[in-house]
């Protein structure tokens, strides 16, 4: 996997993680809860993390591109 794709995957994981955190730690009016609430990573983010750790770089790049294309089709803006 080229460094460019690794950087892009890391940015997408960050966006997905932040969205999950914001959803779990803000109430309906947008106000943050006083105490941290646990949240889990979306399935797509967990799969992208496993792609970064995969030893077969070509397979990891292909899988990451498939996941990111699905996110793009779902409406997520990817740089």
Protein backbone atom coordinates (compact mmCIF):
# COMPACT_ATOMS: atom_id res chain seq x y z
CA UNK A 1 0.00 0.00 0.00
CA UNK A 2 1.41 3.34 -0.93
CA UNK A 3 1.98 5.91 1.77
CA UNK A 4 -0.68 8.09 0.17
CA UNK A 5 -3.36 5.43 0.73
CA UNK A 6 -2.23 4.74 4.27
CA UNK A 7 -2.55 8.44 5.10
CA UNK A 8 -5.99 8.60 3.51
CA UNK A 9 -7.14 5.50 5.43
CA UNK A 10 -5.89 7.01 8.69
CA UNK A 11 -7.84 10.23 8.01
CA UNK A 12 -11.02 8.25 7.27
CA UNK A 13 -10.59 6.23 10.48
CA UNK A 14 -10.21 9.51 12.38
CA UNK A 15 -13.38 10.96 10.84
CA UNK A 16 -15.39 7.84 11.60
CA UNK A 17 -14.05 7.67 15.17
CA UNK A 18 -14.81 11.33 15.82
CA UNK A 19 -18.36 10.94 14.50
CA UNK A 20 -18.94 7.91 16.77
CA UNK A 21 -17.55 9.81 19.78
CA UNK A 22 -19.66 12.90 19.06
CA UNK A 23 -22.80 10.81 18.68
CA UNK A 24 -22.20 9.02 22.01
CA UNK A 25 -21.10 12.06 24.02
CA UNK A 26 -23.63 14.71 23.00
CA UNK A 27 -27.33 14.87 23.79
CA UNK A 28 -30.06 15.73 21.30
CA UNK A 29 -29.64 19.47 21.76
CA UNK A 30 -25.92 19.24 21.01
CA UNK A 31 -24.72 19.73 24.58
CA UNK A 32 -21.88 17.49 25.78
CA UNK A 33 -22.48 15.13 28.67
CA UNK A 34 -20.45 15.89 31.79
CA UNK A 35 -18.94 12.42 31.97
CA UNK A 36 -17.36 10.51 29.11
CA UNK A 37 -19.59 7.86 27.62
CA UNK A 38 -18.02 4.83 26.00
CA UNK A 39 -18.43 4.32 22.28
CA UNK A 40 -17.38 1.70 19.80
CA UNK A 41 -15.79 2.12 16.42
CA UNK A 42 -18.03 1.64 13.41
CA UNK A 43 -17.52 -1.64 11.58
CA UNK A 44 -15.95 0.12 8.60
CA UNK A 45 -13.35 1.83 10.81
CA UNK A 46 -12.44 -1.47 12.48
CA UNK A 47 -11.99 -3.10 9.06
CA UNK A 48 -9.79 -0.22 7.90
CA UNK A 49 -7.64 -0.59 11.03
CA UNK A 50 -7.20 -4.28 10.25
CA UNK A 51 -6.21 -3.35 6.67
CA UNK A 52 -3.43 -1.13 8.01
CA UNK A 53 -2.06 -4.05 10.03
CA UNK A 54 -2.31 -6.61 7.25
CA UNK A 55 1.02 -8.03 6.07
CA UNK A 56 -0.18 -8.54 2.49
CA UNK A 57 0.01 -4.92 1.37
CA UNK A 58 -1.67 -5.45 -2.00
CA UNK A 59 -4.67 -7.25 -0.51
CA UNK A 60 -4.91 -4.58 2.21
CA UNK A 61 -4.89 -1.77 -0.37
CA UNK A 62 -7.61 -3.43 -2.46
CA UNK A 63 -9.79 -4.07 0.61
CA UNK A 64 -9.29 -0.51 1.90
CA UNK A 65 -10.28 0.93 -1.48
CA UNK A 66 -13.45 -1.22 -1.49
CA UNK A 67 -14.43 -0.02 1.99
CA UNK A 68 -13.70 3.61 1.19
CA UNK A 69 -15.68 3.40 -2.06
CA UNK A 70 -18.65 2.08 -0.09
CA UNK A 71 -18.34 4.98 2.34
CA UNK A 72 -18.10 7.41 -0.58
CA UNK A 73 -21.28 5.98 -2.08
CA UNK A 74 -22.99 6.29 1.31
CA UNK A 75 -22.29 10.02 1.25
CA UNK A 76 -19.12 10.41 3.29
CA UNK A 77 -16.72 13.01 1.90
CA UNK A 78 -13.27 11.51 1.46
CA UNK A 79 -10.33 13.71 0.46
